[in-house]
């Protein structure tokens, strides 16, 4: 706890921002009561049902206003999708979304793909549990790269996300895969596509190196 508050206070002193992912109940209580010793209280935003806490301030590189599409197989995946969405929005990335469009009713997906493609997303984040088939289907339909996020939704053999993870790793369609329930890494991975790169370093004079 002291380490978390100490890190945030140091960043706040430097007028920098931060993202705290999945704070515990005790950490949330401490963050809501936090009064740093430097004077003005830093601004905190509690996002995605408190799964993300944002210390307002610059977050590393600048991000251009690209578009990420987020899809979920079912409603049980939405909590993770909203976690990723909150992070992307805080980084300045636009998000379009379609929830509960899993392969159990494939017509639901087909009816939204065209609408999503019109927004020209550069990355798709696709959350699915059970057998984890949705990211493979999406990757076969769209032009942009797809990141599969297996979720711990399911039971029986291979439940809690293991079957979904294995299925995504074996996808016939080209697909990148993160760990089970890894909404934060998926969001940050997608955001990297929109990070503004610094200009090239000036070339050194080779004679000065001799």
N, C-alpha and C. Protein backbone atom coordinates (compact mmCIF):
# COMPACT_ATOMS: atom_id res chain seq x y z
N UNK A 1 0.82 -1.21 0.00
CA UNK A 1 0.00 0.00 0.00
C UNK A 1 0.85 1.26 0.00
N UNK A 2 1.85 1.28 0.92
CA UNK A 2 2.72 2.45 1.00
C UNK A 2 3.49 2.65 -0.29
N UNK A 3 3.89 1.54 -0.92
CA UNK A 3 4.61 1.66 -2.19
C UNK A 3 3.74 2.28 -3.27
N UNK A 4 2.48 1.82 -3.36
CA UNK A 4 1.56 2.36 -4.37
C UNK A 4 1.36 3.86 -4.16
N UNK A 5 1.06 4.27 -2.94
CA UNK A 5 0.83 5.69 -2.69
C UNK A 5 2.10 6.50 -2.88
N UNK A 6 3.24 5.91 -2.53
CA UNK A 6 4.50 6.61 -2.72
C UNK A 6 4.81 6.84 -4.19
N UNK A 7 4.55 5.83 -5.02
CA UNK A 7 4.76 5.97 -6.46
C UNK A 7 3.85 7.05 -7.03
N UNK A 8 2.58 7.02 -6.65
CA UNK A 8 1.64 8.01 -7.17
C UNK A 8 1.99 9.42 -6.70
N UNK A 9 2.45 9.53 -5.47
CA UNK A 9 2.83 10.85 -4.98
C UNK A 9 4.04 11.39 -5.73
N UNK A 10 5.00 10.51 -6.00
CA UNK A 10 6.18 10.95 -6.76
C UNK A 10 5.80 11.39 -8.17
N UNK A 11 4.90 10.65 -8.81
CA UNK A 11 4.45 11.04 -10.15
C UNK A 11 3.66 12.33 -10.10
N UNK A 12 2.81 12.47 -9.08
CA UNK A 12 2.02 13.69 -8.95
C UNK A 12 2.91 14.91 -8.75
N UNK A 13 3.96 14.76 -7.98
CA UNK A 13 4.90 15.87 -7.76
C UNK A 13 5.53 16.33 -9.07
N UNK A 14 5.68 15.40 -10.00
CA UNK A 14 6.28 15.72 -11.31
C UNK A 14 5.23 16.06 -12.36
N UNK A 15 3.99 16.19 -11.92
CA UNK A 15 2.87 16.52 -12.82
C UNK A 15 2.68 15.46 -13.89
N UNK A 16 2.88 14.19 -13.52
CA UNK A 16 2.72 13.08 -14.44
C UNK A 16 1.50 12.25 -14.05
N UNK A 17 0.99 11.49 -15.01
CA UNK A 17 -0.16 10.65 -14.75
C UNK A 17 0.21 9.19 -14.59
N UNK A 18 -0.79 8.37 -14.29
CA UNK A 18 -0.55 6.93 -14.12
C UNK A 18 -1.87 6.20 -14.26
N UNK A 19 -1.77 4.90 -14.52
CA UNK A 19 -2.91 4.01 -14.53
C UNK A 19 -2.65 2.90 -13.51
N UNK A 20 -3.57 2.70 -12.61
CA UNK A 20 -3.50 1.62 -11.63
C UNK A 20 -4.53 0.58 -12.03
N UNK A 21 -4.08 -0.62 -12.34
CA UNK A 21 -4.99 -1.65 -12.82
C UNK A 21 -5.37 -2.61 -11.70
N UNK A 22 -6.64 -2.93 -11.62
CA UNK A 22 -7.22 -3.90 -10.70
C UNK A 22 -6.77 -3.71 -9.25
N UNK A 23 -7.00 -2.53 -8.70
CA UNK A 23 -6.67 -2.33 -7.29
C UNK A 23 -7.54 -3.20 -6.39
N UNK A 24 -6.97 -3.61 -5.28
CA UNK A 24 -7.73 -4.38 -4.30
C UNK A 24 -8.71 -3.46 -3.57
N UNK A 25 -9.60 -4.07 -2.81
CA UNK A 25 -10.56 -3.28 -2.02
C UNK A 25 -9.83 -2.36 -1.05
N UNK A 26 -8.78 -2.87 -0.43
CA UNK A 26 -8.01 -2.05 0.51
C UNK A 26 -7.30 -0.91 -0.22
N UNK A 27 -6.78 -1.19 -1.39
CA UNK A 27 -6.11 -0.13 -2.16
C UNK A 27 -7.09 0.94 -2.61
N UNK A 28 -8.29 0.51 -3.01
CA UNK A 28 -9.30 1.49 -3.40
C UNK A 28 -9.67 2.40 -2.22
N UNK A 29 -9.81 1.79 -1.06
CA UNK A 29 -10.16 2.58 0.12
C UNK A 29 -9.05 3.60 0.41
N UNK A 30 -7.81 3.17 0.28
CA UNK A 30 -6.69 4.07 0.54
C UNK A 30 -6.61 5.17 -0.51
N UNK A 31 -6.89 4.83 -1.76
CA UNK A 31 -6.83 5.83 -2.82
C UNK A 31 -7.92 6.88 -2.66
N UNK A 32 -9.10 6.46 -2.23
CA UNK A 32 -10.18 7.42 -2.04
C UNK A 32 -9.90 8.37 -0.88
N UNK A 33 -9.11 7.90 0.09
CA UNK A 33 -8.78 8.74 1.24
C UNK A 33 -7.43 9.43 1.11
N UNK A 34 -6.76 9.23 0.00
CA UNK A 34 -5.38 9.71 -0.17
C UNK A 34 -5.31 11.23 -0.11
N UNK A 35 -4.44 11.73 0.75
CA UNK A 35 -4.14 13.15 0.84
C UNK A 35 -2.62 13.30 0.88
N UNK A 36 -1.98 13.52 -0.28
CA UNK A 36 -0.51 13.63 -0.27
C UNK A 36 -0.06 14.84 0.54
N UNK A 37 1.18 14.76 0.99
CA UNK A 37 1.69 15.81 1.85
C UNK A 37 2.18 17.04 1.11
N UNK A 38 1.98 17.08 -0.20
CA UNK A 38 2.52 18.18 -0.98
C UNK A 38 1.53 19.32 -1.20
N UNK A 39 0.34 19.23 -0.62
CA UNK A 39 -0.61 20.32 -0.78
C UNK A 39 -1.87 19.87 -1.49
N UNK A 40 -2.06 20.35 -2.72
CA UNK A 40 -3.30 20.08 -3.45
C UNK A 40 -3.47 18.59 -3.70
N UNK A 41 -4.69 18.13 -3.56
CA UNK A 41 -4.98 16.72 -3.78
C UNK A 41 -4.99 16.41 -5.28
N UNK A 42 -4.22 15.41 -5.73
CA UNK A 42 -4.24 15.06 -7.14
C UNK A 42 -5.61 14.54 -7.56
N UNK A 43 -5.92 14.70 -8.82
CA UNK A 43 -7.21 14.25 -9.33
C UNK A 43 -7.13 12.78 -9.71
N UNK A 44 -8.03 11.99 -9.15
CA UNK A 44 -8.12 10.57 -9.48
C UNK A 44 -9.45 10.30 -10.17
N UNK A 45 -9.43 9.42 -11.15
CA UNK A 45 -10.65 8.97 -11.83
C UNK A 45 -10.78 7.47 -11.63
N UNK A 46 -11.95 7.03 -11.18
CA UNK A 46 -12.21 5.61 -10.95
C UNK A 46 -13.06 5.10 -12.10
N UNK A 47 -12.49 4.19 -12.88
CA UNK A 47 -13.07 3.79 -14.15
C UNK A 47 -13.41 2.30 -14.17
N UNK A 48 -14.29 1.93 -15.10
CA UNK A 48 -14.62 0.52 -15.35
C UNK A 48 -14.96 -0.22 -14.06
N UNK A 49 -15.90 0.33 -13.31
CA UNK A 49 -16.31 -0.28 -12.03
C UNK A 49 -15.13 -0.46 -11.09
N UNK A 50 -14.26 0.55 -11.06
CA UNK A 50 -13.10 0.60 -10.16
C UNK A 50 -12.01 -0.41 -10.51
N UNK A 51 -12.06 -0.99 -11.70
CA UNK A 51 -10.98 -1.89 -12.11
C UNK A 51 -9.76 -1.13 -12.61
N UNK A 52 -9.93 0.16 -12.89
CA UNK A 52 -8.83 1.03 -13.32
C UNK A 52 -8.96 2.35 -12.57
N UNK A 53 -7.85 2.81 -12.02
CA UNK A 53 -7.80 4.13 -11.38
C UNK A 53 -6.78 4.97 -12.15
N UNK A 54 -7.19 6.16 -12.50
CA UNK A 54 -6.37 7.05 -13.33
C UNK A 54 -5.91 8.24 -12.52
N UNK A 55 -4.60 8.40 -12.38
CA UNK A 55 -4.03 9.64 -11.86
C UNK A 55 -3.90 10.58 -13.04
N UNK A 56 -4.64 11.66 -13.03
CA UNK A 56 -4.70 12.54 -14.20
C UNK A 56 -3.36 13.23 -14.39
N UNK A 57 -2.89 13.19 -15.63
CA UNK A 57 -1.61 13.77 -16.01
C UNK A 57 -1.09 13.06 -17.24
N UNK A 58 -0.02 13.55 -17.85
CA UNK A 58 0.51 12.92 -19.07
C UNK A 58 0.91 11.47 -18.82
N UNK A 59 0.62 10.63 -19.84
CA UNK A 59 0.93 9.19 -19.75
C UNK A 59 1.93 8.81 -20.84
N UNK A 60 3.18 9.10 -20.62
CA UNK A 60 4.21 8.65 -21.55
C UNK A 60 4.07 9.26 -22.92
N UNK A 61 4.14 8.44 -23.99
CA UNK A 61 4.08 8.99 -25.34
C UNK A 61 2.70 9.54 -25.67
N UNK A 62 2.66 10.40 -26.68
CA UNK A 62 1.38 10.87 -27.20
C UNK A 62 0.81 9.82 -28.15
N UNK A 63 -0.50 9.75 -28.19
CA UNK A 63 -1.17 8.78 -29.05
C UNK A 63 -2.08 9.52 -30.02
N UNK A 64 -2.00 9.13 -31.29
CA UNK A 64 -2.89 9.74 -32.27
C UNK A 64 -4.29 9.13 -32.13
N UNK A 65 -5.24 9.77 -32.77
CA UNK A 65 -6.65 9.40 -32.58
C UNK A 65 -7.05 8.27 -33.51
N UNK A 66 -6.44 7.11 -33.33
CA UNK A 66 -6.82 5.94 -34.10
C UNK A 66 -8.07 5.29 -33.52
N UNK A 67 -8.49 4.21 -34.13
CA UNK A 67 -9.71 3.52 -33.72
C UNK A 67 -9.41 2.05 -33.43
N UNK A 68 -9.88 1.58 -32.29
CA UNK A 68 -9.82 0.16 -31.92
C UNK A 68 -11.24 -0.36 -31.81
N UNK A 69 -11.49 -1.52 -32.37
CA UNK A 69 -12.79 -2.18 -32.22
C UNK A 69 -12.69 -3.23 -31.12
N UNK A 70 -13.66 -3.25 -30.22
CA UNK A 70 -13.70 -4.24 -29.14
C UNK A 70 -14.97 -5.06 -29.29
N UNK A 71 -14.82 -6.38 -29.30
CA UNK A 71 -15.95 -7.29 -29.39
C UNK A 71 -15.89 -8.29 -28.25
N UNK A 72 -17.06 -8.76 -27.83
CA UNK A 72 -17.11 -9.84 -26.84
C UNK A 72 -18.01 -10.95 -27.35
N UNK A 73 -17.69 -12.16 -26.92
CA UNK A 73 -18.53 -13.29 -27.26
C UNK A 73 -19.85 -13.26 -26.51
N UNK A 74 -19.81 -12.93 -25.22
CA UNK A 74 -21.02 -12.90 -24.40
C UNK A 74 -21.00 -11.75 -23.43
N UNK A 75 -22.06 -11.66 -22.64
CA UNK A 75 -22.14 -10.57 -21.67
C UNK A 75 -21.18 -10.78 -20.50
N UNK A 76 -20.78 -12.01 -20.24
CA UNK A 76 -19.83 -12.26 -19.14
C UNK A 76 -18.44 -11.71 -19.44
N UNK A 77 -18.16 -11.45 -20.70
CA UNK A 77 -16.85 -10.92 -21.10
C UNK A 77 -16.80 -9.39 -21.04
N UNK A 78 -17.95 -8.76 -20.83
CA UNK A 78 -18.02 -7.30 -20.97
C UNK A 78 -17.18 -6.59 -19.91
N UNK A 79 -17.11 -7.12 -18.70
CA UNK A 79 -16.35 -6.45 -17.64
C UNK A 79 -14.89 -6.28 -18.04
N UNK A 80 -14.33 -7.29 -18.71
CA UNK A 80 -12.95 -7.20 -19.18
C UNK A 80 -12.83 -6.25 -20.36
N UNK A 81 -13.81 -6.32 -21.25
CA UNK A 81 -13.79 -5.43 -22.41
C UNK A 81 -13.85 -3.97 -21.97
N UNK A 82 -14.66 -3.68 -20.95
CA UNK A 82 -14.77 -2.31 -20.47
C UNK A 82 -13.49 -1.85 -19.79
N UNK A 83 -12.78 -2.76 -19.18
CA UNK A 83 -11.47 -2.44 -18.60
C UNK A 83 -10.51 -1.98 -19.69
N UNK A 84 -10.45 -2.75 -20.78
CA UNK A 84 -9.59 -2.37 -21.91
C UNK A 84 -10.05 -1.06 -22.53
N UNK A 85 -11.35 -0.91 -22.67
CA UNK A 85 -11.89 0.32 -23.27
C UNK A 85 -11.52 1.55 -22.44
N UNK A 86 -11.62 1.45 -21.12
CA UNK A 86 -11.29 2.58 -20.27
C UNK A 86 -9.85 3.01 -20.46
N UNK A 87 -8.95 2.05 -20.55
CA UNK A 87 -7.53 2.38 -20.72
C UNK A 87 -7.30 3.04 -22.07
N UNK A 88 -7.88 2.49 -23.12
CA UNK A 88 -7.70 3.07 -24.45
C UNK A 88 -8.23 4.50 -24.52
N UNK A 89 -9.39 4.74 -23.93
CA UNK A 89 -9.95 6.09 -23.95
C UNK A 89 -9.07 7.06 -23.19
N UNK A 90 -8.49 6.63 -22.08
CA UNK A 90 -7.60 7.51 -21.32
C UNK A 90 -6.33 7.83 -22.10
N UNK A 91 -5.95 6.95 -23.00
CA UNK A 91 -4.78 7.20 -23.84
C UNK A 91 -5.13 8.02 -25.08
N UNK A 92 -6.40 8.34 -25.25
CA UNK A 92 -6.81 9.15 -26.38
C UNK A 92 -7.17 8.37 -27.62
N UNK A 93 -7.27 7.04 -27.50
CA UNK A 93 -7.62 6.19 -28.63
C UNK A 93 -9.13 6.04 -28.67
N UNK A 94 -9.73 6.17 -29.84
CA UNK A 94 -11.17 6.00 -29.98
C UNK A 94 -11.53 4.52 -30.01
N UNK A 95 -12.70 4.20 -29.53
CA UNK A 95 -13.14 2.81 -29.43
C UNK A 95 -14.53 2.67 -30.03
N UNK A 96 -14.71 1.64 -30.85
CA UNK A 96 -16.04 1.20 -31.26
C UNK A 96 -16.23 -0.20 -30.70
N UNK A 97 -17.45 -0.58 -30.41
CA UNK A 97 -17.63 -1.84 -29.71
C UNK A 97 -18.90 -2.56 -30.16
N UNK A 98 -18.85 -3.87 -30.01
CA UNK A 98 -20.01 -4.72 -30.27
C UNK A 98 -19.94 -5.86 -29.27
N UNK A 99 -20.88 -5.90 -28.33
CA UNK A 99 -20.85 -6.89 -27.26
C UNK A 99 -21.92 -7.96 -27.50
N UNK A 100 -21.63 -9.14 -26.96
CA UNK A 100 -22.55 -10.28 -27.05
C UNK A 100 -22.82 -10.66 -28.50
N UNK A 101 -21.74 -10.89 -29.24
CA UNK A 101 -21.86 -11.25 -30.66
C UNK A 101 -21.11 -12.56 -30.93
N UNK A 102 -21.21 -13.49 -29.99
CA UNK A 102 -20.45 -14.73 -30.09
C UNK A 102 -20.97 -15.71 -31.12
N UNK A 103 -20.21 -16.79 -31.31
CA UNK A 103 -20.52 -17.75 -32.37
C UNK A 103 -21.74 -18.61 -32.06
N UNK A 104 -22.26 -18.54 -30.83
CA UNK A 104 -23.49 -19.28 -30.54
C UNK A 104 -24.67 -18.73 -31.35
N UNK A 105 -24.55 -17.49 -31.80
CA UNK A 105 -25.53 -16.89 -32.70
C UNK A 105 -24.78 -16.07 -33.73
N UNK A 106 -24.23 -16.74 -34.72
CA UNK A 106 -23.29 -16.09 -35.63
C UNK A 106 -23.92 -14.92 -36.38
N UNK A 107 -25.22 -14.92 -36.55
CA UNK A 107 -25.89 -13.81 -37.24
C UNK A 107 -25.64 -12.48 -36.52
N UNK A 108 -25.46 -12.54 -35.20
CA UNK A 108 -25.23 -11.31 -34.45
C UNK A 108 -23.92 -10.67 -34.87
N UNK A 109 -22.89 -11.48 -35.08
CA UNK A 109 -21.60 -10.96 -35.50
C UNK A 109 -21.66 -10.42 -36.92
N UNK A 110 -22.24 -11.19 -37.82
CA UNK A 110 -22.28 -10.78 -39.22
C UNK A 110 -23.03 -9.47 -39.41
N UNK A 111 -23.99 -9.22 -38.53
CA UNK A 111 -24.78 -8.00 -38.67
C UNK A 111 -24.02 -6.75 -38.24
N UNK A 112 -22.93 -6.91 -37.44
CA UNK A 112 -22.20 -5.73 -36.96
C UNK A 112 -20.84 -5.55 -37.62
N UNK A 113 -20.32 -6.58 -38.28
CA UNK A 113 -18.99 -6.46 -38.85
C UNK A 113 -18.92 -5.32 -39.87
N UNK A 114 -19.91 -5.23 -40.73
CA UNK A 114 -19.90 -4.18 -41.74
C UNK A 114 -19.91 -2.80 -41.09
N UNK A 115 -20.71 -2.65 -40.05
CA UNK A 115 -20.77 -1.37 -39.34
C UNK A 115 -19.43 -1.01 -38.72
N UNK A 116 -18.77 -2.00 -38.12
CA UNK A 116 -17.47 -1.75 -37.51
C UNK A 116 -16.42 -1.43 -38.56
N UNK A 117 -16.44 -2.14 -39.67
CA UNK A 117 -15.46 -1.91 -40.72
C UNK A 117 -15.58 -0.51 -41.32
N UNK A 118 -16.77 0.05 -41.30
CA UNK A 118 -16.95 1.41 -41.80
C UNK A 118 -16.19 2.43 -40.97
N UNK A 119 -15.94 2.11 -39.71
CA UNK A 119 -15.17 3.01 -38.84
C UNK A 119 -13.67 2.84 -39.03
N UNK A 120 -13.27 1.88 -39.83
CA UNK A 120 -11.87 1.62 -40.18
C UNK A 120 -10.97 1.45 -38.95
N UNK A 121 -11.31 0.51 -38.08
CA UNK A 121 -10.42 0.25 -36.94
C UNK A 121 -9.10 -0.33 -37.41
N UNK A 122 -8.04 0.02 -36.72
CA UNK A 122 -6.72 -0.48 -37.06
C UNK A 122 -6.34 -1.71 -36.25
N UNK A 123 -7.08 -1.98 -35.20
CA UNK A 123 -6.87 -3.17 -34.36
C UNK A 123 -8.24 -3.63 -33.84
N UNK A 124 -8.41 -4.93 -33.74
CA UNK A 124 -9.58 -5.51 -33.10
C UNK A 124 -9.13 -6.23 -31.83
N UNK A 125 -9.80 -5.96 -30.72
CA UNK A 125 -9.63 -6.74 -29.50
C UNK A 125 -10.88 -7.59 -29.34
N UNK A 126 -10.71 -8.91 -29.29
CA UNK A 126 -11.86 -9.81 -29.27
C UNK A 126 -11.78 -10.68 -28.03
N UNK A 127 -12.76 -10.54 -27.15
CA UNK A 127 -12.82 -11.25 -25.88
C UNK A 127 -13.78 -12.42 -26.01
N UNK A 128 -13.33 -13.61 -25.60
CA UNK A 128 -14.20 -14.78 -25.68
C UNK A 128 -13.76 -15.83 -24.67
N UNK A 129 -14.75 -16.48 -24.06
CA UNK A 129 -14.49 -17.61 -23.18
C UNK A 129 -14.96 -18.89 -23.83
N UNK A 130 -15.35 -19.87 -22.99
CA UNK A 130 -15.79 -21.18 -23.52
C UNK A 130 -14.75 -21.75 -24.47
N UNK A 131 -15.14 -21.98 -25.75
CA UNK A 131 -14.18 -22.56 -26.70
C UNK A 131 -13.34 -21.51 -27.40
N UNK A 132 -13.60 -20.23 -27.18
CA UNK A 132 -12.74 -19.17 -27.69
C UNK A 132 -12.71 -19.06 -29.20
N UNK A 133 -13.82 -19.34 -29.88
CA UNK A 133 -13.82 -19.36 -31.34
C UNK A 133 -13.96 -17.98 -31.98
N UNK A 134 -14.51 -17.01 -31.24
CA UNK A 134 -14.85 -15.73 -31.85
C UNK A 134 -13.66 -15.01 -32.48
N UNK A 135 -12.49 -14.90 -31.84
CA UNK A 135 -11.39 -14.19 -32.47
C UNK A 135 -10.98 -14.79 -33.82
N UNK A 136 -11.00 -16.11 -33.94
CA UNK A 136 -10.66 -16.74 -35.21
C UNK A 136 -11.65 -16.35 -36.30
N UNK A 137 -12.93 -16.36 -35.97
CA UNK A 137 -13.94 -15.98 -36.95
C UNK A 137 -13.77 -14.52 -37.36
N UNK A 138 -13.54 -13.64 -36.39
CA UNK A 138 -13.36 -12.23 -36.71
C UNK A 138 -12.12 -12.03 -37.58
N UNK A 139 -11.04 -12.72 -37.25
CA UNK A 139 -9.81 -12.57 -38.02
C UNK A 139 -10.00 -13.02 -39.47
N UNK A 140 -10.94 -13.92 -39.70
CA UNK A 140 -11.22 -14.35 -41.06
C UNK A 140 -12.13 -13.41 -41.82
N UNK A 141 -12.69 -12.42 -41.14
CA UNK A 141 -13.66 -11.51 -41.78
C UNK A 141 -13.15 -10.10 -41.99
N UNK A 142 -12.18 -9.66 -41.18
CA UNK A 142 -11.79 -8.25 -41.20
C UNK A 142 -10.36 -8.11 -41.74
N UNK A 143 -10.02 -6.86 -42.05
CA UNK A 143 -8.71 -6.59 -42.64
C UNK A 143 -7.65 -6.24 -41.60
N UNK A 144 -8.06 -5.67 -40.48
CA UNK A 144 -7.09 -5.21 -39.48
C UNK A 144 -6.60 -6.37 -38.61
N UNK A 145 -5.46 -6.20 -37.94
CA UNK A 145 -4.98 -7.23 -37.02
C UNK A 145 -5.96 -7.47 -35.88
N UNK A 146 -6.02 -8.72 -35.43
CA UNK A 146 -6.93 -9.12 -34.36
C UNK A 146 -6.11 -9.64 -33.18
N UNK A 147 -6.46 -9.19 -31.98
CA UNK A 147 -5.86 -9.69 -30.74
C UNK A 147 -6.94 -10.46 -30.00
N UNK A 148 -6.70 -11.74 -29.77
CA UNK A 148 -7.63 -12.57 -29.02
C UNK A 148 -7.35 -12.49 -27.53
N UNK A 149 -8.39 -12.29 -26.75
CA UNK A 149 -8.26 -12.24 -25.30
C UNK A 149 -9.12 -13.35 -24.71
N UNK A 150 -8.53 -14.47 -24.32
CA UNK A 150 -9.32 -15.54 -23.69
C UNK A 150 -9.78 -15.11 -22.31
N UNK A 151 -11.02 -15.42 -21.99
CA UNK A 151 -11.56 -15.03 -20.69
C UNK A 151 -11.90 -16.27 -19.87
N UNK A 152 -11.87 -16.10 -18.57
CA UNK A 152 -12.11 -17.23 -17.66
C UNK A 152 -13.60 -17.45 -17.48
N UNK A 153 -14.27 -17.64 -18.59
CA UNK A 153 -15.71 -17.91 -18.61
C UNK A 153 -15.90 -19.32 -19.12
N UNK A 154 -16.46 -20.17 -18.32
CA UNK A 154 -16.66 -21.55 -18.74
C UNK A 154 -16.51 -22.50 -17.56
N UNK A 155 -16.72 -23.76 -17.81
CA UNK A 155 -16.60 -24.77 -16.76
C UNK A 155 -16.36 -26.10 -17.45
N UNK A 156 -16.16 -27.16 -16.66
CA UNK A 156 -15.87 -28.46 -17.23
C UNK A 156 -14.43 -28.55 -17.71
N UNK A 157 -14.18 -29.46 -18.62
CA UNK A 157 -12.82 -29.67 -19.13
C UNK A 157 -12.33 -28.42 -19.85
N UNK A 158 -11.18 -27.93 -19.43
CA UNK A 158 -10.63 -26.73 -20.05
C UNK A 158 -11.35 -25.46 -19.68
N UNK A 159 -12.10 -25.47 -18.58
CA UNK A 159 -12.81 -24.29 -18.15
C UNK A 159 -11.87 -23.23 -17.61
N UNK A 160 -12.46 -22.10 -17.20
CA UNK A 160 -11.71 -20.96 -16.65
C UNK A 160 -10.70 -20.39 -17.63
N UNK A 161 -10.98 -20.53 -18.92
CA UNK A 161 -10.17 -19.87 -19.93
C UNK A 161 -9.12 -20.72 -20.61
N UNK A 162 -8.82 -21.91 -20.07
CA UNK A 162 -7.75 -22.73 -20.67
C UNK A 162 -8.11 -23.19 -22.08
N UNK A 163 -9.35 -23.64 -22.27
CA UNK A 163 -9.75 -24.09 -23.60
C UNK A 163 -9.74 -22.93 -24.59
N UNK A 164 -10.22 -21.78 -24.16
CA UNK A 164 -10.24 -20.61 -25.04
C UNK A 164 -8.82 -20.21 -25.43
N UNK A 165 -7.91 -20.22 -24.48
CA UNK A 165 -6.52 -19.87 -24.77
C UNK A 165 -5.92 -20.84 -25.78
N UNK A 166 -6.09 -22.13 -25.55
CA UNK A 166 -5.53 -23.13 -26.46
C UNK A 166 -6.13 -23.00 -27.86
N UNK A 167 -7.44 -22.76 -27.93
CA UNK A 167 -8.08 -22.63 -29.23
C UNK A 167 -7.54 -21.43 -30.00
N UNK A 168 -7.35 -20.32 -29.32
CA UNK A 168 -6.84 -19.13 -29.99
C UNK A 168 -5.40 -19.32 -30.46
N UNK A 169 -4.61 -20.03 -29.65
CA UNK A 169 -3.23 -20.29 -30.06
C UNK A 169 -3.16 -21.20 -31.28
N UNK A 170 -4.20 -21.99 -31.50
CA UNK A 170 -4.25 -22.91 -32.63
C UNK A 170 -5.06 -22.35 -33.80
N UNK A 171 -5.34 -21.05 -33.78
CA UNK A 171 -6.19 -20.45 -34.80
C UNK A 171 -5.62 -20.62 -36.21
N UNK A 172 -6.48 -20.97 -37.14
CA UNK A 172 -6.08 -21.04 -38.55
C UNK A 172 -5.92 -19.64 -39.14
N UNK A 173 -6.75 -18.71 -38.71
CA UNK A 173 -6.63 -17.32 -39.17
C UNK A 173 -5.51 -16.63 -38.40
N UNK A 174 -4.80 -15.68 -39.02
CA UNK A 174 -3.70 -14.98 -38.32
C UNK A 174 -4.23 -14.20 -37.13
N UNK A 175 -3.63 -14.44 -35.98
CA UNK A 175 -4.18 -13.93 -34.73
C UNK A 175 -3.08 -13.80 -33.70
N UNK A 176 -3.07 -12.69 -32.97
CA UNK A 176 -2.21 -12.55 -31.80
C UNK A 176 -3.05 -12.85 -30.56
N UNK A 177 -2.42 -13.40 -29.53
CA UNK A 177 -3.16 -13.85 -28.34
C UNK A 177 -2.44 -13.37 -27.10
N UNK A 178 -3.20 -12.87 -26.13
CA UNK A 178 -2.64 -12.53 -24.82
C UNK A 178 -3.11 -13.56 -23.81
N UNK A 179 -2.70 -13.39 -22.57
CA UNK A 179 -3.01 -14.36 -21.53
C UNK A 179 -4.48 -14.28 -21.13
N UNK A 180 -4.91 -15.22 -20.33
CA UNK A 180 -6.30 -15.28 -19.88
C UNK A 180 -6.64 -14.05 -19.05
N UNK A 181 -7.74 -13.40 -19.41
CA UNK A 181 -8.24 -12.20 -18.72
C UNK A 181 -7.29 -11.02 -18.81
N UNK A 182 -6.38 -11.02 -19.75
CA UNK A 182 -5.34 -9.99 -19.83
C UNK A 182 -5.83 -8.77 -20.61
N UNK A 183 -6.84 -8.12 -20.07
CA UNK A 183 -7.40 -6.95 -20.73
C UNK A 183 -6.42 -5.79 -20.78
N UNK A 184 -5.66 -5.59 -19.72
CA UNK A 184 -4.72 -4.48 -19.67
C UNK A 184 -3.60 -4.64 -20.71
N UNK A 185 -2.90 -5.78 -20.73
CA UNK A 185 -1.88 -5.95 -21.78
C UNK A 185 -2.46 -5.83 -23.19
N UNK A 186 -3.67 -6.34 -23.39
CA UNK A 186 -4.29 -6.25 -24.72
C UNK A 186 -4.51 -4.79 -25.11
N UNK A 187 -5.01 -3.99 -24.19
CA UNK A 187 -5.25 -2.58 -24.48
C UNK A 187 -3.95 -1.84 -24.76
N UNK A 188 -2.94 -2.08 -23.95
CA UNK A 188 -1.66 -1.38 -24.14
C UNK A 188 -0.99 -1.83 -25.43
N UNK A 189 -1.12 -3.11 -25.76
CA UNK A 189 -0.57 -3.61 -27.03
C UNK A 189 -1.24 -2.91 -28.21
N UNK A 190 -2.58 -2.80 -28.16
CA UNK A 190 -3.29 -2.13 -29.24
C UNK A 190 -2.91 -0.66 -29.32
N UNK A 191 -2.74 -0.02 -28.17
CA UNK A 191 -2.41 1.40 -28.16
C UNK A 191 -1.06 1.69 -28.78
N UNK A 192 -0.14 0.74 -28.71
CA UNK A 192 1.19 0.96 -29.28
C UNK A 192 1.13 1.29 -30.77
N UNK A 193 0.09 0.82 -31.44
CA UNK A 193 -0.06 1.11 -32.86
C UNK A 193 -0.26 2.60 -33.12
N UNK A 194 -0.73 3.32 -32.10
CA UNK A 194 -1.06 4.73 -32.28
C UNK A 194 -0.07 5.66 -31.59
N UNK A 195 0.95 5.10 -30.97
CA UNK A 195 1.94 5.93 -30.29
C UNK A 195 2.74 6.74 -31.30
N UNK A 196 2.84 8.01 -31.05
CA UNK A 196 3.62 8.88 -31.93
C UNK A 196 5.10 8.68 -31.66
N UNK A 197 5.81 8.35 -32.71
CA UNK A 197 7.23 8.08 -32.57
C UNK A 197 8.02 9.39 -32.59
N UNK A 198 9.08 9.48 -31.79
CA UNK A 198 9.93 10.68 -31.86
C UNK A 198 10.66 10.72 -33.20
N UNK A 199 11.06 11.91 -33.60
CA UNK A 199 11.78 12.07 -34.86
C UNK A 199 13.12 11.35 -34.84
N UNK A 200 13.72 11.12 -36.01
CA UNK A 200 15.00 10.42 -36.06
C UNK A 200 16.10 11.21 -35.38
N UNK A 201 16.99 10.49 -34.76
CA UNK A 201 18.13 11.15 -34.12
C UNK A 201 19.05 11.73 -35.18
N UNK A 202 19.66 12.88 -34.89
CA UNK A 202 20.61 13.44 -35.87
C UNK A 202 21.79 12.50 -36.08
N UNK A 203 22.21 12.41 -37.31
CA UNK A 203 23.33 11.53 -37.62
C UNK A 203 24.63 12.10 -37.09
N UNK A 204 25.43 11.25 -36.50
CA UNK A 204 26.72 11.71 -35.97
C UNK A 204 27.74 11.83 -37.11
N UNK A 205 28.63 12.76 -36.90
CA UNK A 205 29.73 12.92 -37.86
C UNK A 205 30.74 11.79 -37.62
N UNK A 206 30.92 10.90 -38.61
CA UNK A 206 31.83 9.76 -38.37
C UNK A 206 33.26 10.21 -38.07
N UNK A 207 33.64 11.40 -38.53
CA UNK A 207 35.01 11.85 -38.27
C UNK A 207 35.22 12.15 -36.78
N UNK A 208 34.14 12.54 -36.13
CA UNK A 208 34.27 12.84 -34.70
C UNK A 208 34.42 11.58 -33.88
N UNK A 209 34.05 10.44 -34.44
CA UNK A 209 34.14 9.18 -33.71
C UNK A 209 35.52 8.55 -33.85
N UNK A 210 36.32 9.08 -34.77
CA UNK A 210 37.65 8.48 -35.03
C UNK A 210 38.63 8.87 -33.92
